[in-house]
């Protein structure tokens, strides 16, 4: 138990720092008037964002490294006359 006593000073400093920061942080959070917030929101919506989107470049056919033969047109009437048995 005595070996854990070295943790006490750091725990006390940590708790004091947390309390101090929470106390300082509450003063900086004043409420904004609803009308002022609504006016700011309306101004932000009316602004022209000026964002222009570039056209997508044309998609090129990427090679996969696999050779594919072009499909052939069916032969004259002989394929149609054959039936699987």
PDB file of N, CA and C in Angstrom:
ATOM      1  N   UNK A   1       0.822  -1.190   0.000  1.00  0.00           N
ATOM      2  CA  UNK A   1       0.000   0.000   0.000  1.00  0.00           C
ATOM      3  C   UNK A   1       0.867   1.256   0.000  1.00  0.00           C
ATOM      4  N   UNK A   2       1.975   1.215   0.708  1.00  0.00           N
ATOM      5  CA  UNK A   2       2.853   2.374   0.780  1.00  0.00           C
ATOM      6  C   UNK A   2       3.447   2.718  -0.582  1.00  0.00           C
ATOM      7  N   UNK A   3       3.566   1.701  -1.409  1.00  0.00           N
ATOM      8  CA  UNK A   3       4.169   1.927  -2.723  1.00  0.00           C
ATOM      9  C   UNK A   3       3.260   2.782  -3.609  1.00  0.00           C
ATOM     10  N   UNK A   4       1.954   2.794  -3.335  1.00  0.00           N
ATOM     11  CA  UNK A   4       1.019   3.580  -4.141  1.00  0.00           C
ATOM     12  C   UNK A   4       0.910   5.021  -3.673  1.00  0.00           C
ATOM     13  N   UNK A   5       1.557   5.382  -2.566  1.00  0.00           N
ATOM     14  CA  UNK A   5       1.474   6.748  -2.061  1.00  0.00           C
ATOM     15  C   UNK A   5       2.087   7.762  -3.018  1.00  0.00           C
ATOM     16  N   UNK A   6       2.981   7.331  -3.888  1.00  0.00           N
ATOM     17  CA  UNK A   6       3.577   8.258  -4.835  1.00  0.00           C
ATOM     18  C   UNK A   6       2.558   8.733  -5.879  1.00  0.00           C
ATOM     19  N   UNK A   7       1.411   8.032  -5.984  1.00  0.00           N
ATOM     20  CA  UNK A   7       0.356   8.453  -6.918  1.00  0.00           C
ATOM     21  C   UNK A   7      -0.496   9.589  -6.358  1.00  0.00           C
ATOM     22  N   UNK A   8      -0.513   9.782  -5.067  1.00  0.00           N
ATOM     23  CA  UNK A   8      -1.391  10.773  -4.448  1.00  0.00           C
ATOM     24  C   UNK A   8      -1.109  12.185  -4.952  1.00  0.00           C
ATOM     25  N   UNK A   9       0.137  12.662  -4.974  1.00  0.00           N
ATOM     26  CA  UNK A   9       0.352  14.039  -5.457  1.00  0.00           C
ATOM     27  C   UNK A   9      -0.113  14.250  -6.910  1.00  0.00           C
ATOM     28  N   UNK A  10       0.152  13.290  -7.779  1.00  0.00           N
ATOM     29  CA  UNK A  10      -0.276  13.468  -9.170  1.00  0.00           C
ATOM     30  C   UNK A  10      -1.801  13.413  -9.287  1.00  0.00           C
ATOM     31  N   UNK A  11      -2.465  12.592  -8.483  1.00  0.00           N
ATOM     32  CA  UNK A  11      -3.937  12.536  -8.509  1.00  0.00           C
ATOM     33  C   UNK A  11      -4.529  13.847  -8.012  1.00  0.00           C
ATOM     34  N   UNK A  12      -3.933  14.425  -6.965  1.00  0.00           N
ATOM     35  CA  UNK A  12      -4.433  15.701  -6.431  1.00  0.00           C
ATOM     36  C   UNK A  12      -4.245  16.811  -7.459  1.00  0.00           C
ATOM     37  N   UNK A  13      -3.099  16.859  -8.088  1.00  0.00           N
ATOM     38  CA  UNK A  13      -2.845  17.879  -9.109  1.00  0.00           C
ATOM     39  C   UNK A  13      -3.810  17.721 -10.273  1.00  0.00           C
ATOM     40  N   UNK A  14      -4.086  16.504 -10.681  1.00  0.00           N
ATOM     41  CA  UNK A  14      -5.011  16.253 -11.789  1.00  0.00           C
ATOM     42  C   UNK A  14      -6.418  16.710 -11.442  1.00  0.00           C
ATOM     43  N   UNK A  15      -6.886  16.404 -10.244  1.00  0.00           N
ATOM     44  CA  UNK A  15      -8.240  16.802  -9.829  1.00  0.00           C
ATOM     45  C   UNK A  15      -8.340  18.316  -9.736  1.00  0.00           C
ATOM     46  N   UNK A  16      -7.335  18.968  -9.181  1.00  0.00           N
ATOM     47  CA  UNK A  16      -7.355  20.432  -9.080  1.00  0.00           C
ATOM     48  C   UNK A  16      -7.357  21.058 -10.475  1.00  0.00           C
ATOM     49  N   UNK A  17      -6.557  20.527 -11.394  1.00  0.00           N
ATOM     50  CA  UNK A  17      -6.515  21.062 -12.757  1.00  0.00           C
ATOM     51  C   UNK A  17      -7.855  20.882 -13.455  1.00  0.00           C
ATOM     52  N   UNK A  18      -8.509  19.743 -13.257  1.00  0.00           N
ATOM     53  CA  UNK A  18      -9.820  19.513 -13.880  1.00  0.00           C
ATOM     54  C   UNK A  18     -10.849  20.488 -13.339  1.00  0.00           C
ATOM     55  N   UNK A  19     -10.841  20.736 -12.051  1.00  0.00           N
ATOM     56  CA  UNK A  19     -11.790  21.689 -11.461  1.00  0.00           C
ATOM     57  C   UNK A  19     -11.529  23.101 -11.969  1.00  0.00           C
ATOM     58  N   UNK A  20     -10.249  23.480 -12.045  1.00  0.00           N
ATOM     59  CA  UNK A  20      -9.900  24.823 -12.495  1.00  0.00           C
ATOM     60  C   UNK A  20     -10.326  25.050 -13.947  1.00  0.00           C
ATOM     61  N   UNK A  21     -10.061  24.074 -14.806  1.00  0.00           N
ATOM     62  CA  UNK A  21     -10.428  24.209 -16.221  1.00  0.00           C
ATOM     63  C   UNK A  21     -11.943  24.247 -16.396  1.00  0.00           C
ATOM     64  N   UNK A  22     -12.659  23.435 -15.646  1.00  0.00           N
ATOM     65  CA  UNK A  22     -14.125  23.457 -15.769  1.00  0.00           C
ATOM     66  C   UNK A  22     -14.691  24.783 -15.279  1.00  0.00           C
ATOM     67  N   UNK A  23     -14.090  25.380 -14.267  1.00  0.00           N
ATOM     68  CA  UNK A  23     -14.569  26.667 -13.754  1.00  0.00           C
ATOM     69  C   UNK A  23     -14.285  27.781 -14.770  1.00  0.00           C
ATOM     70  N   UNK A  24     -13.111  27.773 -15.374  1.00  0.00           N
ATOM     71  CA  UNK A  24     -12.785  28.796 -16.364  1.00  0.00           C
ATOM     72  C   UNK A  24     -13.611  28.639 -17.633  1.00  0.00           C
ATOM     73  N   UNK A  25     -13.901  27.431 -18.005  1.00  0.00           N
ATOM     74  CA  UNK A  25     -14.632  27.182 -19.244  1.00  0.00           C
ATOM     75  C   UNK A  25     -16.074  27.625 -19.205  1.00  0.00           C
ATOM     76  N   UNK A  26     -16.694  27.664 -18.010  1.00  0.00           N
ATOM     77  CA  UNK A  26     -18.110  28.024 -17.975  1.00  0.00           C
ATOM     78  C   UNK A  26     -18.342  29.491 -18.203  1.00  0.00           C
ATOM     79  N   UNK A  27     -17.388  30.367 -17.900  1.00  0.00           N
ATOM     80  CA  UNK A  27     -17.606  31.793 -18.092  1.00  0.00           C
ATOM     81  C   UNK A  27     -17.568  32.182 -19.563  1.00  0.00           C
ATOM     82  N   UNK A  28     -16.861  31.468 -20.375  1.00  0.00           N
ATOM     83  CA  UNK A  28     -16.735  31.810 -21.784  1.00  0.00           C
ATOM     84  C   UNK A  28     -17.912  31.378 -22.622  1.00  0.00           C
ATOM     85  N   UNK A  29     -18.872  30.701 -22.026  1.00  0.00           N
ATOM     86  CA  UNK A  29     -20.003  30.195 -22.814  1.00  0.00           C
ATOM     87  C   UNK A  29     -21.254  31.013 -22.526  1.00  0.00           C
ATOM     88  N   UNK A  30     -21.296  32.206 -23.059  1.00  0.00           N
ATOM     89  CA  UNK A  30     -22.495  33.030 -22.917  1.00  0.00           C
ATOM     90  C   UNK A  30     -23.528  32.596 -23.936  1.00  0.00           C
ATOM     91  N   UNK A  31     -24.784  32.785 -23.599  1.00  0.00           N
ATOM     92  CA  UNK A  31     -25.843  32.414 -24.545  1.00  0.00           C
ATOM     93  C   UNK A  31     -25.975  33.472 -25.615  1.00  0.00           C
ATOM     94  N   UNK A  32     -26.194  33.050 -26.831  1.00  0.00           N
ATOM     95  CA  UNK A  32     -26.393  33.957 -27.952  1.00  0.00           C
ATOM     96  C   UNK A  32     -27.890  34.181 -28.089  1.00  0.00           C
ATOM     97  N   UNK A  33     -28.255  35.425 -28.309  1.00  0.00           N
ATOM     98  CA  UNK A  33     -29.665  35.768 -28.482  1.00  0.00           C
ATOM     99  C   UNK A  33     -30.228  35.016 -29.687  1.00  0.00           C
ATOM    100  N   UNK A  34     -31.445  34.530 -29.562  1.00  0.00           N
ATOM    101  CA  UNK A  34     -32.041  33.738 -30.651  1.00  0.00           C
ATOM    102  C   UNK A  34     -32.183  34.553 -31.927  1.00  0.00           C
ATOM    103  N   UNK A  35     -32.557  35.833 -31.788  1.00  0.00           N
ATOM    104  CA  UNK A  35     -32.729  36.671 -32.977  1.00  0.00           C
ATOM    105  C   UNK A  35     -31.392  36.900 -33.679  1.00  0.00           C
ATOM    106  N   UNK A  36     -30.346  37.117 -32.899  1.00  0.00           N
ATOM    107  CA  UNK A  36     -29.018  37.324 -33.482  1.00  0.00           C
ATOM    108  C   UNK A  36     -28.562  36.047 -34.183  1.00  0.00           C
ATOM    109  N   UNK A  37     -28.791  34.909 -33.550  1.00  0.00           N
ATOM    110  CA  UNK A  37     -28.400  33.635 -34.164  1.00  0.00           C
ATOM    111  C   UNK A  37     -29.176  33.393 -35.453  1.00  0.00           C
ATOM    112  N   UNK A  38     -30.467  33.734 -35.472  1.00  0.00           N
ATOM    113  CA  UNK A  38     -31.281  33.547 -36.679  1.00  0.00           C
ATOM    114  C   UNK A  38     -30.798  34.459 -37.803  1.00  0.00           C
ATOM    115  N   UNK A  39     -30.405  35.690 -37.463  1.00  0.00           N
ATOM    116  CA  UNK A  39     -29.903  36.609 -38.487  1.00  0.00           C
ATOM    117  C   UNK A  39     -28.573  36.110 -39.063  1.00  0.00           C
ATOM    118  N   UNK A  40     -27.709  35.620 -38.208  1.00  0.00           N
ATOM    119  CA  UNK A  40     -26.434  35.078 -38.692  1.00  0.00           C
ATOM    120  C   UNK A  40     -26.667  33.887 -39.613  1.00  0.00           C
ATOM    121  N   UNK A  41     -27.613  33.030 -39.215  1.00  0.00           N
ATOM    122  CA  UNK A  41     -27.920  31.856 -40.022  1.00  0.00           C
ATOM    123  C   UNK A  41     -28.474  32.266 -41.380  1.00  0.00           C
ATOM    124  N   UNK A  42     -29.372  33.256 -41.400  1.00  0.00           N
ATOM    125  CA  UNK A  42     -29.962  33.721 -42.659  1.00  0.00           C
ATOM    126  C   UNK A  42     -28.879  34.316 -43.564  1.00  0.00           C
ATOM    127  N   UNK A  43     -27.958  35.093 -42.990  1.00  0.00           N
ATOM    128  CA  UNK A  43     -26.874  35.660 -43.787  1.00  0.00           C
ATOM    129  C   UNK A  43     -25.987  34.573 -44.377  1.00  0.00           C
ATOM    130  N   UNK A  44     -25.720  33.549 -43.595  1.00  0.00           N
ATOM    131  CA  UNK A  44     -24.870  32.468 -44.081  1.00  0.00           C
ATOM    132  C   UNK A  44     -25.542  31.706 -45.216  1.00  0.00           C
ATOM    133  N   UNK A  45     -26.856  31.550 -45.153  1.00  0.00           N
ATOM    134  CA  UNK A  45     -27.567  30.843 -46.217  1.00  0.00           C
ATOM    135  C   UNK A  45     -27.666  31.674 -47.494  1.00  0.00           C
ATOM    136  N   UNK A  46     -27.701  32.992 -47.359  1.00  0.00           N
ATOM    137  CA  UNK A  46     -27.852  33.848 -48.533  1.00  0.00           C
ATOM    138  C   UNK A  46     -26.545  34.085 -49.260  1.00  0.00           C
ATOM    139  N   UNK A  47     -25.429  33.815 -48.626  1.00  0.00           N
ATOM    140  CA  UNK A  47     -24.132  34.039 -49.266  1.00  0.00           C
ATOM    141  C   UNK A  47     -23.968  33.100 -50.455  1.00  0.00           C
ATOM    142  N   UNK A  48     -23.327  33.621 -51.487  1.00  0.00           N
ATOM    143  CA  UNK A  48     -22.962  32.781 -52.619  1.00  0.00           C
ATOM    144  C   UNK A  48     -21.660  32.091 -52.235  1.00  0.00           C
ATOM    145  N   UNK A  49     -21.701  30.797 -52.176  1.00  0.00           N
ATOM    146  CA  UNK A  49     -20.523  30.074 -51.703  1.00  0.00           C
ATOM    147  C   UNK A  49     -19.355  30.185 -52.666  1.00  0.00           C
ATOM    148  N   UNK A  50     -19.626  30.394 -53.950  1.00  0.00           N
ATOM    149  CA  UNK A  50     -18.560  30.541 -54.914  1.00  0.00           C
ATOM    150  C   UNK A  50     -17.843  29.239 -55.232  1.00  0.00           C
ATOM    151  N   UNK A  51     -18.376  28.136 -54.809  1.00  0.00           N
ATOM    152  CA  UNK A  51     -17.734  26.858 -55.079  1.00  0.00           C
ATOM    153  C   UNK A  51     -18.099  26.424 -56.490  1.00  0.00           C
ATOM    154  N   UNK A  52     -17.099  26.186 -57.258  1.00  0.00           N
ATOM    155  CA  UNK A  52     -17.319  25.712 -58.624  1.00  0.00           C
ATOM    156  C   UNK A  52     -16.732  24.323 -58.733  1.00  0.00           C
ATOM    157  N   UNK A  53     -17.470  23.439 -59.296  1.00  0.00           N
ATOM    158  CA  UNK A  53     -17.017  22.066 -59.428  1.00  0.00           C
ATOM    159  C   UNK A  53     -16.425  21.857 -60.808  1.00  0.00           C
ATOM    160  N   UNK A  54     -15.277  21.242 -60.840  1.00  0.00           N
ATOM    161  CA  UNK A  54     -14.614  20.952 -62.101  1.00  0.00           C
ATOM    162  C   UNK A  54     -15.288  19.752 -62.757  1.00  0.00           C
ATOM    163  N   UNK A  55     -15.321  19.774 -64.077  1.00  0.00           N
ATOM    164  CA  UNK A  55     -15.904  18.646 -64.801  1.00  0.00           C
ATOM    165  C   UNK A  55     -15.024  17.418 -64.584  1.00  0.00           C
ATOM    166  N   UNK A  56     -15.668  16.288 -64.474  1.00  0.00           N
ATOM    167  CA  UNK A  56     -14.908  15.053 -64.289  1.00  0.00           C
ATOM    168  C   UNK A  56     -14.166  14.721 -65.570  1.00  0.00           C
ATOM    169  N   UNK A  57     -12.938  14.307 -65.449  1.00  0.00           N
ATOM    170  CA  UNK A  57     -12.211  13.922 -66.661  1.00  0.00           C
ATOM    171  C   UNK A  57     -12.842  12.674 -67.265  1.00  0.00           C
ATOM    172  N   UNK A  58     -12.704  12.557 -68.569  1.00  0.00           N
ATOM    173  CA  UNK A  58     -13.286  11.405 -69.255  1.00  0.00           C
ATOM    174  C   UNK A  58     -12.659  10.125 -68.723  1.00  0.00           C
ATOM    175  N   UNK A  59     -13.490   9.129 -68.497  1.00  0.00           N
ATOM    176  CA  UNK A  59     -12.994   7.853 -67.997  1.00  0.00           C
ATOM    177  C   UNK A  59     -12.306   7.117 -69.130  1.00  0.00           C
ATOM    178  N   UNK A  60     -11.096   6.717 -68.892  1.00  0.00           N
ATOM    179  CA  UNK A  60     -10.407   5.961 -69.921  1.00  0.00           C
ATOM    180  C   UNK A  60     -10.456   4.493 -69.541  1.00  0.00           C
ATOM    181  N   UNK A  61     -10.384   3.672 -70.537  1.00  0.00           N
ATOM    182  CA  UNK A  61     -10.465   2.239 -70.328  1.00  0.00           C
ATOM    183  C   UNK A  61      -9.157   1.756 -69.725  1.00  0.00           C
ATOM    184  N   UNK A  62      -9.206   1.343 -68.489  1.00  0.00           N
ATOM    185  CA  UNK A  62      -7.989   0.894 -67.817  1.00  0.00           C
ATOM    186  C   UNK A  62      -7.731  -0.564 -68.134  1.00  0.00           C
ATOM    187  N   UNK A  63      -6.506  -0.843 -68.435  1.00  0.00           N
ATOM    188  CA  UNK A  63      -6.130  -2.213 -68.736  1.00  0.00           C
ATOM    189  C   UNK A  63      -6.008  -3.005 -67.449  1.00  0.00           C
ATOM    190  N   UNK A  64      -6.567  -4.203 -67.451  1.00  0.00           N
ATOM    191  CA  UNK A  64      -6.477  -5.062 -66.277  1.00  0.00           C
ATOM    192  C   UNK A  64      -5.335  -6.051 -66.399  1.00  0.00           C
ATOM    193  N   UNK A  65      -4.697  -6.081 -67.555  1.00  0.00           N
ATOM    194  CA  UNK A  65      -3.604  -7.013 -67.763  1.00  0.00           C
ATOM    195  C   UNK A  65      -4.075  -8.367 -68.268  1.00  0.00           C
ATOM    196  N   UNK A  66      -5.365  -8.491 -68.524  1.00  0.00           N
ATOM    197  CA  UNK A  66      -5.914  -9.753 -69.029  1.00  0.00           C
ATOM    198  C   UNK A  66      -6.305  -9.538 -70.484  1.00  0.00           C
ATOM    199  N   UNK A  67      -5.815 -10.418 -71.345  1.00  0.00           N
ATOM    200  CA  UNK A  67      -6.141 -10.300 -72.761  1.00  0.00           C
ATOM    201  C   UNK A  67      -7.531 -10.879 -72.998  1.00  0.00           C
ATOM    202  N   UNK A  68      -8.392 -10.098 -73.641  1.00  0.00           N
ATOM    203  CA  UNK A  68      -9.754 -10.550 -73.939  1.00  0.00           C
ATOM    204  C   UNK A  68      -9.938 -10.470 -75.443  1.00  0.00           C
ATOM    205  N   UNK A  69     -10.347 -11.591 -76.026  1.00  0.00           N
ATOM    206  CA  UNK A  69     -10.604 -11.602 -77.466  1.00  0.00           C
ATOM    207  C   UNK A  69     -11.930 -10.902 -77.734  1.00  0.00           C
ATOM    208  N   UNK A  70     -11.983 -10.169 -78.828  1.00  0.00           N
ATOM    209  CA  UNK A  70     -13.267  -9.540 -79.172  1.00  0.00           C
ATOM    210  C   UNK A  70     -14.290 -10.606 -79.527  1.00  0.00           C
ATOM    211  N   UNK A  71     -15.530 -10.345 -79.173  1.00  0.00           N
ATOM    212  CA  UNK A  71     -16.571 -11.340 -79.473  1.00  0.00           C
ATOM    213  C   UNK A  71     -16.766 -11.421 -80.984  1.00  0.00           C
ATOM    214  N   UNK A  72     -17.081 -12.633 -81.453  1.00  0.00           N
ATOM    215  CA  UNK A  72     -17.275 -12.849 -82.887  1.00  0.00           C
ATOM    216  C   UNK A  72     -18.761 -12.921 -83.182  1.00  0.00           C
ATOM    217  N   UNK A  73     -19.097 -12.515 -84.375  1.00  0.00           N
ATOM    218  CA  UNK A  73     -20.488 -12.613 -84.800  1.00  0.00           C
ATOM    219  C   UNK A  73     -20.803 -14.081 -85.047  1.00  0.00           C
ATOM    220  N   UNK A  74     -22.033 -14.520 -84.763  1.00  0.00           N
ATOM    221  CA  UNK A  74     -22.372 -15.931 -85.001  1.00  0.00           C
ATOM    222  C   UNK A  74     -22.228 -16.279 -86.471  1.00  0.00           C
ATOM    223  N   UNK A  75     -21.834 -17.523 -86.719  1.00  0.00           N
ATOM    224  CA  UNK A  75     -21.677 -17.995 -88.104  1.00  0.00           C
ATOM    225  C   UNK A  75     -23.033 -18.031 -88.784  1.00  0.00           C
ATOM    226  N   UNK A  76     -22.995 -18.189 -90.060  1.00  0.00           N
ATOM    227  CA  UNK A  76     -24.253 -18.259 -90.803  1.00  0.00           C
ATOM    228  C   UNK A  76     -25.059 -19.462 -90.346  1.00  0.00           C
ATOM    229  N   UNK A  77     -26.273 -19.545 -90.533  1.00  0.00           N
ATOM    230  CA  UNK A  77     -27.282 -20.492 -90.096  1.00  0.00           C
ATOM    231  C   UNK A  77     -26.859 -21.796 -89.460  1.00  0.00           C
ATOM    232  N   UNK A  78     -25.610 -22.212 -89.519  1.00  0.00           N
ATOM    233  CA  UNK A  78     -25.241 -23.522 -88.998  1.00  0.00           C
ATOM    234  C   UNK A  78     -25.384 -23.595 -87.476  1.00  0.00           C
ATOM    235  N   UNK A  79     -25.049 -22.525 -86.744  1.00  0.00           N
ATOM    236  CA  UNK A  79     -25.160 -22.557 -85.280  1.00  0.00           C
ATOM    237  C   UNK A  79     -26.617 -22.593 -84.842  1.00  0.00           C
ATOM    238  N   UNK A  80     -27.474 -21.994 -85.581  1.00  0.00           N
ATOM    239  CA  UNK A  80     -28.884 -21.971 -85.191  1.00  0.00           C
ATOM    240  C   UNK A  80     -29.558 -23.328 -85.391  1.00  0.00           C
ATOM    241  N   UNK A  81     -29.061 -24.088 -86.364  1.00  0.00           N
ATOM    242  CA  UNK A  81     -29.668 -25.399 -86.643  1.00  0.00           C
ATOM    243  C   UNK A  81     -29.248 -26.451 -85.641  1.00  0.00           C
ATOM    244  N   UNK A  82     -28.135 -26.285 -85.007  1.00  0.00           N
ATOM    245  CA  UNK A  82     -27.662 -27.271 -84.026  1.00  0.00           C
ATOM    246  C   UNK A  82     -28.450 -27.128 -82.731  1.00  0.00           C
ATOM    247  N   UNK A  83     -28.732 -28.253 -82.137  1.00  0.00           N
ATOM    248  CA  UNK A  83     -29.420 -28.243 -80.845  1.00  0.00           C
ATOM    249  C   UNK A  83     -28.645 -29.114 -79.881  1.00  0.00           C
ATOM    250  N   UNK A  84     -28.647 -28.702 -78.646  1.00  0.00           N
ATOM    251  CA  UNK A  84     -27.976 -29.524 -77.615  1.00  0.00           C
ATOM    252  C   UNK A  84     -28.848 -30.724 -77.313  1.00  0.00           C
ATOM    253  N   UNK A  85     -28.218 -31.899 -77.187  1.00  0.00           N
ATOM    254  CA  UNK A  85     -29.019 -33.084 -76.893  1.00  0.00           C
ATOM    255  C   UNK A  85     -28.761 -33.592 -75.506  1.00  0.00           C
TER     256      UNK A  85
END
